[in-house]
Amino acid sequence: MRKFSIIIILTCLFKAVYSIPTGDHTIMEDKLSGIIPLINGKAAYTQTVDCGSVTLAELFRRSRIWLATANPENQMLVSDKETGDLVSHGTMVVSMPRSENVAGGVYSFRYTLIIECANRKYRSSIVHIQMQQNGNLLPIEFFNLKSEQETKDLYTVLDKKFTGLLLDLEQDTKDYKSF
């Protein structure tokens, strides 16, 4: 009987350790709340863009110009022309309107943008997405609002902003108009 009790206790502990809840979020098909893409369990956006016959130096130049002008307040962390790597920290602000059922508010998310240039193509990634709240940073995977629908509405707007950011980068590097 004692062995049976120990097995039950160990089974309960095992389940408790390996079934960590993610707040009110539901993870569906590698997406947080069915909206924000997940890579290895972390919120992340990534895309690889072929830019034709553009050299590494030219792609790096175009990407660096875009990064400096798209969000001048972003902090440049890495700018290595030899490897073609650019890394910056940025902030994405989302304003949600107030309604009868929703408190609304302004939410700030910190993120890291990585651009890796090579001959003819580049890969851009938005990673380390964190909610800024009272000077603290909380990984987006653990952030939630009062209701799942409010969280989904916020994530929908945030997703549009991040995909728009990557689309803007693609247009300005791939379809660059030289003088």
N, C-alpha and C. Protein backbone atom coordinates (compact mmCIF):
# COMPACT_ATOMS: atom_id res chain seq x y z
N MET A 1 0.82 -1.19 0.00
CA MET A 1 0.00 0.00 0.00
C MET A 1 0.86 1.26 0.00
N ARG A 2 1.96 1.20 0.74
CA ARG A 2 2.86 2.35 0.82
C ARG A 2 3.48 2.65 -0.55
N LYS A 3 3.87 1.60 -1.28
CA LYS A 3 4.45 1.79 -2.62
C LYS A 3 3.43 2.42 -3.56
N PHE A 4 2.18 2.01 -3.43
CA PHE A 4 1.11 2.57 -4.26
C PHE A 4 0.94 4.06 -3.98
N SER A 5 0.97 4.46 -2.72
CA SER A 5 0.84 5.88 -2.34
C SER A 5 2.00 6.70 -2.88
N ILE A 6 3.19 6.16 -2.81
CA ILE A 6 4.37 6.86 -3.31
C ILE A 6 4.27 7.05 -4.82
N ILE A 7 3.80 6.04 -5.52
CA ILE A 7 3.64 6.13 -6.97
C ILE A 7 2.62 7.21 -7.33
N ILE A 8 1.53 7.28 -6.60
CA ILE A 8 0.50 8.30 -6.86
C ILE A 8 1.06 9.69 -6.60
N ILE A 9 1.79 9.86 -5.52
CA ILE A 9 2.38 11.16 -5.20
C ILE A 9 3.38 11.57 -6.26
N LEU A 10 4.24 10.65 -6.68
CA LEU A 10 5.23 10.96 -7.71
C LEU A 10 4.56 11.29 -9.05
N THR A 11 3.50 10.58 -9.37
CA THR A 11 2.76 10.86 -10.60
C THR A 11 2.16 12.26 -10.56
N CYS A 12 1.57 12.64 -9.44
CA CYS A 12 1.00 13.98 -9.30
C CYS A 12 2.07 15.05 -9.40
N LEU A 13 3.20 14.83 -8.75
CA LEU A 13 4.30 15.80 -8.84
C LEU A 13 4.82 15.91 -10.27
N PHE A 14 4.95 14.79 -10.95
CA PHE A 14 5.42 14.80 -12.33
C PHE A 14 4.48 15.62 -13.21
N LYS A 15 3.18 15.40 -13.04
CA LYS A 15 2.20 16.14 -13.83
C LYS A 15 2.24 17.63 -13.51
N ALA A 16 2.41 17.96 -12.24
CA ALA A 16 2.46 19.37 -11.83
C ALA A 16 3.67 20.08 -12.42
N VAL A 17 4.80 19.41 -12.47
CA VAL A 17 6.03 20.01 -12.99
C VAL A 17 5.97 20.17 -14.50
N TYR A 18 5.40 19.21 -15.19
CA TYR A 18 5.42 19.24 -16.65
C TYR A 18 4.15 19.74 -17.31
N SER A 19 3.24 20.28 -16.55
CA SER A 19 2.03 20.88 -17.14
C SER A 19 1.91 22.31 -16.65
N ILE A 20 2.87 23.12 -17.00
CA ILE A 20 2.89 24.52 -16.58
C ILE A 20 1.87 25.29 -17.41
N PRO A 21 0.93 25.96 -16.77
CA PRO A 21 -0.08 26.70 -17.53
C PRO A 21 0.52 27.94 -18.17
N THR A 22 -0.07 28.38 -19.25
CA THR A 22 0.37 29.59 -19.93
C THR A 22 -0.66 30.69 -19.76
N GLY A 23 -1.16 30.87 -18.55
CA GLY A 23 -2.16 31.89 -18.33
C GLY A 23 -3.45 31.48 -19.01
N ASP A 24 -4.15 32.43 -19.58
CA ASP A 24 -5.39 32.15 -20.30
C ASP A 24 -5.12 31.85 -21.77
N HIS A 25 -3.86 31.82 -22.16
CA HIS A 25 -3.51 31.63 -23.56
C HIS A 25 -3.75 30.19 -23.99
N THR A 26 -4.14 30.06 -25.23
CA THR A 26 -4.20 28.74 -25.83
C THR A 26 -3.20 28.72 -26.96
N ILE A 27 -2.40 27.69 -26.99
CA ILE A 27 -1.40 27.57 -28.05
C ILE A 27 -1.95 26.60 -29.08
N MET A 28 -2.19 27.12 -30.29
CA MET A 28 -2.76 26.32 -31.36
C MET A 28 -1.84 26.39 -32.57
N GLU A 29 -1.45 25.22 -33.06
CA GLU A 29 -0.65 25.14 -34.27
C GLU A 29 0.52 26.11 -34.25
N ASP A 30 1.30 26.08 -33.18
CA ASP A 30 2.48 26.93 -33.04
C ASP A 30 2.14 28.41 -33.09
N LYS A 31 1.00 28.79 -32.51
CA LYS A 31 0.61 30.19 -32.42
C LYS A 31 0.08 30.48 -31.02
N LEU A 32 0.46 31.61 -30.49
CA LEU A 32 -0.01 32.04 -29.19
C LEU A 32 -1.41 32.63 -29.36
N SER A 33 -2.38 32.07 -28.67
CA SER A 33 -3.80 32.45 -28.81
C SER A 33 -4.28 32.35 -30.26
N GLY A 34 -3.61 31.51 -31.04
CA GLY A 34 -3.98 31.32 -32.44
C GLY A 34 -3.57 32.48 -33.34
N ILE A 35 -2.74 33.41 -32.84
CA ILE A 35 -2.42 34.63 -33.60
C ILE A 35 -0.90 34.85 -33.74
N ILE A 36 -0.20 34.97 -32.63
CA ILE A 36 1.23 35.29 -32.64
C ILE A 36 2.02 34.01 -32.91
N PRO A 37 2.87 33.99 -33.96
CA PRO A 37 3.63 32.77 -34.28
C PRO A 37 4.64 32.43 -33.19
N LEU A 38 4.81 31.13 -32.97
CA LEU A 38 5.76 30.63 -31.99
C LEU A 38 6.84 29.80 -32.70
N ILE A 39 8.07 30.00 -32.28
CA ILE A 39 9.18 29.18 -32.74
C ILE A 39 9.86 28.65 -31.49
N ASN A 40 9.88 27.33 -31.35
CA ASN A 40 10.42 26.68 -30.15
C ASN A 40 9.76 27.22 -28.87
N GLY A 41 8.45 27.45 -28.93
CA GLY A 41 7.71 27.88 -27.76
C GLY A 41 7.82 29.36 -27.42
N LYS A 42 8.53 30.13 -28.24
CA LYS A 42 8.70 31.57 -28.00
C LYS A 42 8.08 32.34 -29.15
N ALA A 43 7.46 33.47 -28.83
CA ALA A 43 6.87 34.32 -29.86
C ALA A 43 7.98 34.85 -30.75
N ALA A 44 7.84 34.69 -32.06
CA ALA A 44 8.87 35.13 -33.00
C ALA A 44 8.31 35.19 -34.41
N TYR A 45 8.80 36.16 -35.15
CA TYR A 45 8.46 36.30 -36.57
C TYR A 45 9.76 36.15 -37.33
N THR A 46 9.72 35.46 -38.45
CA THR A 46 10.92 35.34 -39.27
C THR A 46 10.52 35.21 -40.73
N GLN A 47 11.34 35.79 -41.59
CA GLN A 47 11.12 35.64 -43.03
C GLN A 47 12.46 35.77 -43.74
N THR A 48 12.57 35.06 -44.85
CA THR A 48 13.74 35.15 -45.70
C THR A 48 13.28 35.71 -47.03
N VAL A 49 14.00 36.72 -47.52
CA VAL A 49 13.60 37.40 -48.75
C VAL A 49 14.75 37.35 -49.76
N ASP A 50 14.43 36.88 -50.96
CA ASP A 50 15.41 36.87 -52.06
C ASP A 50 15.29 38.20 -52.79
N CYS A 51 16.41 38.88 -52.93
CA CYS A 51 16.42 40.22 -53.54
C CYS A 51 17.09 40.25 -54.91
N GLY A 52 17.09 39.14 -55.61
CA GLY A 52 17.66 39.11 -56.95
C GLY A 52 19.17 38.99 -56.91
N SER A 53 19.85 39.87 -57.63
CA SER A 53 21.31 39.78 -57.74
C SER A 53 22.04 40.82 -56.89
N VAL A 54 21.46 41.18 -55.77
CA VAL A 54 22.02 42.21 -54.90
C VAL A 54 23.16 41.62 -54.07
N THR A 55 24.26 42.34 -53.97
CA THR A 55 25.41 41.87 -53.20
C THR A 55 25.18 42.01 -51.71
N LEU A 56 26.02 41.35 -50.94
CA LEU A 56 25.95 41.44 -49.49
C LEU A 56 26.11 42.89 -49.03
N ALA A 57 27.11 43.59 -49.59
CA ALA A 57 27.37 44.98 -49.18
C ALA A 57 26.16 45.87 -49.47
N GLU A 58 25.53 45.70 -50.62
CA GLU A 58 24.38 46.53 -50.98
C GLU A 58 23.16 46.20 -50.12
N LEU A 59 22.92 44.90 -49.86
CA LEU A 59 21.80 44.52 -48.99
C LEU A 59 22.00 45.05 -47.58
N PHE A 60 23.23 44.96 -47.09
CA PHE A 60 23.53 45.48 -45.76
C PHE A 60 23.28 46.99 -45.72
N ARG A 61 23.72 47.68 -46.73
CA ARG A 61 23.52 49.14 -46.82
C ARG A 61 22.03 49.49 -46.80
N ARG A 62 21.26 48.82 -47.64
CA ARG A 62 19.82 49.07 -47.73
C ARG A 62 19.13 48.79 -46.39
N SER A 63 19.48 47.68 -45.77
CA SER A 63 18.87 47.29 -44.50
C SER A 63 19.24 48.27 -43.40
N ARG A 64 20.50 48.71 -43.39
CA ARG A 64 20.95 49.65 -42.37
C ARG A 64 20.23 51.00 -42.52
N ILE A 65 20.06 51.45 -43.77
CA ILE A 65 19.34 52.70 -44.01
C ILE A 65 17.89 52.56 -43.56
N TRP A 66 17.26 51.44 -43.89
CA TRP A 66 15.88 51.23 -43.48
C TRP A 66 15.78 51.24 -41.95
N LEU A 67 16.68 50.53 -41.29
CA LEU A 67 16.64 50.43 -39.83
C LEU A 67 16.83 51.79 -39.17
N ALA A 68 17.70 52.61 -39.74
CA ALA A 68 17.96 53.94 -39.16
C ALA A 68 16.79 54.90 -39.39
N THR A 69 16.04 54.72 -40.46
CA THR A 69 14.96 55.66 -40.78
C THR A 69 13.58 55.17 -40.37
N ALA A 70 13.36 53.85 -40.32
CA ALA A 70 12.03 53.32 -39.99
C ALA A 70 11.64 53.66 -38.56
N ASN A 71 12.55 53.50 -37.64
CA ASN A 71 12.32 53.82 -36.24
C ASN A 71 13.61 54.41 -35.67
N PRO A 72 13.82 55.72 -35.82
CA PRO A 72 15.07 56.33 -35.37
C PRO A 72 15.33 56.16 -33.87
N GLU A 73 14.27 55.95 -33.07
CA GLU A 73 14.47 55.79 -31.63
C GLU A 73 14.94 54.39 -31.24
N ASN A 74 14.93 53.44 -32.19
CA ASN A 74 15.42 52.10 -31.90
C ASN A 74 16.91 52.15 -31.58
N GLN A 75 17.32 51.28 -30.68
CA GLN A 75 18.72 51.22 -30.26
C GLN A 75 19.45 50.18 -31.11
N MET A 76 20.47 50.63 -31.85
CA MET A 76 21.28 49.73 -32.68
C MET A 76 22.27 49.00 -31.77
N LEU A 77 22.24 47.68 -31.78
CA LEU A 77 23.14 46.88 -30.95
C LEU A 77 24.32 46.33 -31.74
N VAL A 78 24.06 45.88 -32.97
CA VAL A 78 25.10 45.30 -33.81
C VAL A 78 24.93 45.85 -35.21
N SER A 79 26.04 46.25 -35.81
CA SER A 79 26.06 46.69 -37.20
C SER A 79 27.40 46.23 -37.78
N ASP A 80 27.43 44.99 -38.26
CA ASP A 80 28.67 44.38 -38.73
C ASP A 80 28.60 44.18 -40.24
N LYS A 81 29.29 45.05 -40.99
CA LYS A 81 29.21 44.97 -42.46
C LYS A 81 29.93 43.75 -43.02
N GLU A 82 30.89 43.20 -42.30
CA GLU A 82 31.60 42.02 -42.79
C GLU A 82 30.72 40.78 -42.79
N THR A 83 29.96 40.60 -41.72
CA THR A 83 29.06 39.44 -41.65
C THR A 83 27.68 39.76 -42.20
N GLY A 84 27.35 41.05 -42.32
CA GLY A 84 26.04 41.46 -42.81
C GLY A 84 24.97 41.43 -41.74
N ASP A 85 25.37 41.47 -40.47
CA ASP A 85 24.41 41.36 -39.37
C ASP A 85 24.04 42.72 -38.80
N LEU A 86 22.75 42.90 -38.58
CA LEU A 86 22.20 44.09 -37.91
C LEU A 86 21.28 43.60 -36.80
N VAL A 87 21.42 44.20 -35.63
CA VAL A 87 20.55 43.85 -34.51
C VAL A 87 20.16 45.14 -33.81
N SER A 88 18.87 45.27 -33.51
CA SER A 88 18.41 46.46 -32.79
C SER A 88 17.31 46.09 -31.80
N HIS A 89 17.15 46.93 -30.79
CA HIS A 89 16.03 46.84 -29.85
C HIS A 89 15.03 47.91 -30.24
N GLY A 90 13.77 47.56 -30.22
CA GLY A 90 12.73 48.53 -30.53
C GLY A 90 11.54 48.38 -29.61
N THR A 91 10.62 49.31 -29.74
CA THR A 91 9.38 49.29 -28.96
C THR A 91 8.21 49.41 -29.92
N MET A 92 7.24 48.55 -29.74
CA MET A 92 6.01 48.60 -30.52
C MET A 92 4.89 48.99 -29.57
N VAL A 93 4.18 50.06 -29.88
CA VAL A 93 3.10 50.55 -29.03
C VAL A 93 1.77 50.21 -29.68
N VAL A 94 0.87 49.64 -28.87
CA VAL A 94 -0.46 49.28 -29.34
C VAL A 94 -1.48 50.00 -28.47
N SER A 95 -2.37 50.75 -29.12
CA SER A 95 -3.46 51.44 -28.41
C SER A 95 -4.75 50.69 -28.66
N MET A 96 -5.40 50.32 -27.58
CA MET A 96 -6.69 49.62 -27.67
C MET A 96 -7.77 50.56 -27.18
N PRO A 97 -8.83 50.74 -27.97
CA PRO A 97 -9.90 51.66 -27.55
C PRO A 97 -10.71 51.09 -26.37
N ARG A 98 -11.24 52.00 -25.60
CA ARG A 98 -12.08 51.62 -24.46
C ARG A 98 -13.51 51.42 -24.93
N SER A 99 -14.16 50.43 -24.35
CA SER A 99 -15.58 50.19 -24.65
C SER A 99 -16.27 49.76 -23.36
N GLU A 100 -17.54 49.40 -23.46
CA GLU A 100 -18.30 48.98 -22.27
C GLU A 100 -17.68 47.75 -21.61
N ASN A 101 -17.23 46.82 -22.43
CA ASN A 101 -16.73 45.55 -21.90
C ASN A 101 -15.21 45.49 -21.80
N VAL A 102 -14.52 46.46 -22.38
CA VAL A 102 -13.06 46.41 -22.45
C VAL A 102 -12.49 47.69 -21.84
N ALA A 103 -11.50 47.52 -20.99
CA ALA A 103 -10.88 48.68 -20.33
C ALA A 103 -10.05 49.51 -21.31
N GLY A 104 -9.52 48.88 -22.36
CA GLY A 104 -8.67 49.59 -23.31
C GLY A 104 -7.34 49.94 -22.67
N GLY A 105 -6.55 50.70 -23.38
CA GLY A 105 -5.26 51.11 -22.83
C GLY A 105 -4.19 51.18 -23.89
N VAL A 106 -3.02 51.60 -23.46
CA VAL A 106 -1.85 51.69 -24.32
C VAL A 106 -0.84 50.68 -23.80
N TYR A 107 -0.38 49.80 -24.67
CA TYR A 107 0.53 48.72 -24.31
C TYR A 107 1.82 48.86 -25.10
N SER A 108 2.95 48.72 -24.40
CA SER A 108 4.26 48.80 -25.05
C SER A 108 4.93 47.44 -25.01
N PHE A 109 5.45 47.03 -26.16
CA PHE A 109 6.15 45.77 -26.27
C PHE A 109 7.58 46.03 -26.75
N ARG A 110 8.56 45.50 -26.04
CA ARG A 110 9.96 45.57 -26.46
C ARG A 110 10.24 44.33 -27.32
N TYR A 111 11.09 44.50 -28.31
CA TYR A 111 11.45 43.38 -29.18
C TYR A 111 12.87 43.58 -29.70
N THR A 112 13.43 42.50 -30.19
CA THR A 112 14.73 42.55 -30.84
C THR A 112 14.51 42.22 -32.31
N LEU A 113 15.06 43.06 -33.18
CA LEU A 113 14.98 42.84 -34.63
C LEU A 113 16.37 42.44 -35.11
N ILE A 114 16.45 41.30 -35.78
CA ILE A 114 17.71 40.80 -36.32
C ILE A 114 17.58 40.74 -37.83
N ILE A 115 18.57 41.31 -38.53
CA ILE A 115 18.62 41.24 -39.99
C ILE A 115 19.96 40.63 -40.36
N GLU A 116 19.92 39.49 -41.05
CA GLU A 116 21.13 38.80 -41.47
C GLU A 116 21.19 38.85 -43.00
N CYS A 117 22.16 39.59 -43.53
CA CYS A 117 22.28 39.77 -44.97
C CYS A 117 23.30 38.78 -45.54
N ALA A 118 23.01 38.32 -46.74
CA ALA A 118 23.92 37.46 -47.49
C ALA A 118 23.80 37.89 -48.95
N ASN A 119 24.60 37.30 -49.82
CA ASN A 119 24.46 37.63 -51.24
C ASN A 119 23.07 37.24 -51.71
N ARG A 120 22.36 38.18 -52.26
CA ARG A 120 21.05 38.03 -52.88
C ARG A 120 19.88 37.93 -51.92
N LYS A 121 20.07 37.63 -50.64
CA LYS A 121 18.92 37.51 -49.75
C LYS A 121 19.26 37.92 -48.33
N TYR A 122 18.21 38.11 -47.56
CA TYR A 122 18.39 38.40 -46.14
C TYR A 122 17.32 37.66 -45.35
N ARG A 123 17.61 37.45 -44.08
CA ARG A 123 16.63 36.87 -43.17
C ARG A 123 16.39 37.89 -42.06
N SER A 124 15.12 38.20 -41.82
CA SER A 124 14.77 39.12 -40.73
C SER A 124 13.98 38.34 -39.68
N SER A 125 14.25 38.66 -38.43
CA SER A 125 13.57 37.99 -37.32
C SER A 125 13.22 39.01 -36.24
N ILE A 126 12.02 38.89 -35.72
CA ILE A 126 11.60 39.65 -34.55
C ILE A 126 11.47 38.64 -33.42
N VAL A 127 12.29 38.81 -32.39
CA VAL A 127 12.36 37.86 -31.29
C VAL A 127 12.36 38.60 -29.95
N HIS A 128 12.34 37.85 -28.87
CA HIS A 128 12.37 38.41 -27.51
C HIS A 128 11.30 39.49 -27.33
N ILE A 129 10.07 39.15 -27.68
CA ILE A 129 8.96 40.10 -27.54
C ILE A 129 8.52 40.08 -26.08
N GLN A 130 8.56 41.28 -25.46
CA GLN A 130 8.23 41.39 -24.05
C GLN A 130 7.31 42.58 -23.81
N MET A 131 6.37 42.41 -22.91
CA MET A 131 5.46 43.48 -22.50
C MET A 131 6.18 44.35 -21.48
N GLN A 132 6.18 45.67 -21.70
CA GLN A 132 6.75 46.62 -20.75
C GLN A 132 5.64 47.07 -19.82
N GLN A 133 5.85 46.91 -18.53
CA GLN A 133 4.82 47.30 -17.58
C GLN A 133 5.49 47.78 -16.29
N ASN A 134 5.32 49.07 -16.00
CA ASN A 134 5.89 49.68 -14.80
C ASN A 134 7.40 49.44 -14.68
N GLY A 135 8.11 49.56 -15.78
CA GLY A 135 9.55 49.38 -15.77
C GLY A 135 10.00 47.93 -15.79
N ASN A 136 9.06 47.00 -15.76
CA ASN A 136 9.40 45.58 -15.80
C ASN A 136 9.10 45.02 -17.18
N LEU A 137 9.79 43.95 -17.53
CA LEU A 137 9.56 43.27 -18.80
C LEU A 137 9.01 41.88 -18.52
N LEU A 138 7.92 41.54 -19.21
CA LEU A 138 7.28 40.24 -19.06
C LEU A 138 7.21 39.59 -20.43
N PRO A 139 7.76 38.37 -20.60
CA PRO A 139 7.66 37.70 -21.90
C PRO A 139 6.20 37.62 -22.35
N ILE A 140 5.97 37.87 -23.61
CA ILE A 140 4.60 37.90 -24.14
C ILE A 140 3.88 36.57 -23.93
N GLU A 141 4.63 35.50 -23.86
CA GLU A 141 4.01 34.19 -23.66
C GLU A 141 3.29 34.09 -22.30
N PHE A 142 3.63 34.96 -21.35
CA PHE A 142 3.03 34.94 -20.02
C PHE A 142 2.11 36.12 -19.77
N PHE A 143 1.94 36.97 -20.76
CA PHE A 143 1.10 38.16 -20.61
C PHE A 143 -0.34 37.83 -20.99
N ASN A 144 -1.29 38.33 -20.21
CA ASN A 144 -2.69 38.20 -20.61
C ASN A 144 -3.50 39.32 -19.98
N LEU A 145 -4.59 39.64 -20.62
CA LEU A 145 -5.52 40.64 -20.11
C LEU A 145 -6.63 39.94 -19.34
N LYS A 146 -7.66 40.68 -18.96
CA LYS A 146 -8.73 40.12 -18.12
C LYS A 146 -9.50 38.99 -18.80
N SER A 147 -9.64 39.08 -20.11
CA SER A 147 -10.36 38.01 -20.82
C SER A 147 -9.52 37.55 -22.00
N GLU A 148 -9.81 36.33 -22.42
CA GLU A 148 -9.09 35.77 -23.57
C GLU A 148 -9.39 36.57 -24.84
N GLN A 149 -10.62 37.07 -24.98
CA GLN A 149 -10.98 37.85 -26.16
C GLN A 149 -10.20 39.17 -26.21
N GLU A 150 -10.03 39.83 -25.05
CA GLU A 150 -9.24 41.07 -25.01
C GLU A 150 -7.80 40.79 -25.42
N THR A 151 -7.26 39.69 -24.92
CA THR A 151 -5.89 39.31 -25.27
C THR A 151 -5.78 39.04 -26.76
N LYS A 152 -6.75 38.32 -27.33
CA LYS A 152 -6.74 38.04 -28.77
C LYS A 152 -6.84 39.32 -29.59
N ASP A 153 -7.68 40.26 -29.16
CA ASP A 153 -7.81 41.53 -29.88
C ASP A 153 -6.48 42.30 -29.87
N LEU A 154 -5.82 42.32 -28.72
CA LEU A 154 -4.52 42.97 -28.61
C LEU A 154 -3.50 42.28 -29.49
N TYR A 155 -3.47 40.95 -29.46
CA TYR A 155 -2.51 40.19 -30.27
C TYR A 155 -2.76 40.38 -31.77
N THR A 156 -4.02 40.55 -32.15
CA THR A 156 -4.34 40.76 -33.56
C THR A 156 -3.73 42.08 -34.05
N VAL A 157 -3.87 43.13 -33.25
CA VAL A 157 -3.29 44.42 -33.62
C VAL A 157 -1.77 44.34 -33.62
N LEU A 158 -1.19 43.70 -32.60
CA LEU A 158 0.26 43.56 -32.51
C LEU A 158 0.80 42.76 -33.69
N ASP A 159 0.10 41.69 -34.06
CA ASP A 159 0.51 40.87 -35.21
C ASP A 159 0.53 41.68 -36.50
N LYS A 160 -0.48 42.50 -36.71
CA LYS A 160 -0.53 43.35 -37.90
C LYS A 160 0.63 44.33 -37.92
N LYS A 161 0.98 44.86 -36.76
CA LYS A 161 2.09 45.82 -36.70
C LYS A 161 3.42 45.13 -36.99
N PHE A 162 3.64 43.95 -36.43
CA PHE A 162 4.90 43.24 -36.67
C PHE A 162 5.01 42.75 -38.11
N THR A 163 3.94 42.21 -38.66
CA THR A 163 4.00 41.77 -40.06
C THR A 163 4.15 42.97 -40.99
N GLY A 164 3.53 44.09 -40.64
CA GLY A 164 3.69 45.32 -41.42
C GLY A 164 5.12 45.83 -41.38
N LEU A 165 5.77 45.71 -40.23
CA LEU A 165 7.17 46.11 -40.08
C LEU A 165 8.07 45.29 -41.00
N LEU A 166 7.86 43.98 -41.03
CA LEU A 166 8.66 43.11 -41.90
C LEU A 166 8.36 43.35 -43.38
N LEU A 167 7.12 43.65 -43.70
CA LEU A 167 6.74 43.96 -45.07
C LEU A 167 7.39 45.26 -45.53
N ASP A 168 7.42 46.25 -44.65
CA ASP A 168 8.07 47.53 -44.94
C ASP A 168 9.57 47.33 -45.20
N LEU A 169 10.21 46.51 -44.38
CA LEU A 169 11.62 46.19 -44.59
C LEU A 169 11.82 45.53 -45.95
N GLU A 170 10.96 44.58 -46.28
CA GLU A 170 11.07 43.89 -47.57
C GLU A 170 10.92 44.86 -48.74
N GLN A 171 9.94 45.74 -48.69
CA GLN A 171 9.73 46.69 -49.78
C GLN A 171 10.91 47.63 -49.93
N ASP A 172 11.45 48.12 -48.82
CA ASP A 172 12.54 49.08 -48.89
C ASP A 172 13.89 48.46 -49.24
N THR A 173 14.06 47.17 -49.04
CA THR A 173 15.33 46.53 -49.41
C THR A 173 15.23 45.86 -50.78
N LYS A 174 14.17 45.17 -51.03
CA LYS A 174 14.02 44.45 -52.30
C LYS A 174 13.74 45.41 -53.47
N ASP A 175 12.86 46.36 -53.24
CA ASP A 175 12.47 47.29 -54.30
C ASP A 175 13.14 48.65 -54.12
N TYR A 176 14.37 48.65 -53.66
CA TYR A 176 15.11 49.87 -53.40
C TYR A 176 15.31 50.67 -54.68
N LYS A 177 15.02 51.96 -54.63
CA LYS A 177 15.18 52.84 -55.80
C LYS A 177 16.49 53.61 -55.64
N SER A 178 17.46 53.25 -56.44
CA SER A 178 18.74 53.96 -56.36
C SER A 178 18.63 55.31 -57.09
N PHE A 179 19.56 56.19 -56.76
CA PHE A 179 19.49 57.51 -57.38
C PHE A 179 20.40 57.59 -58.60
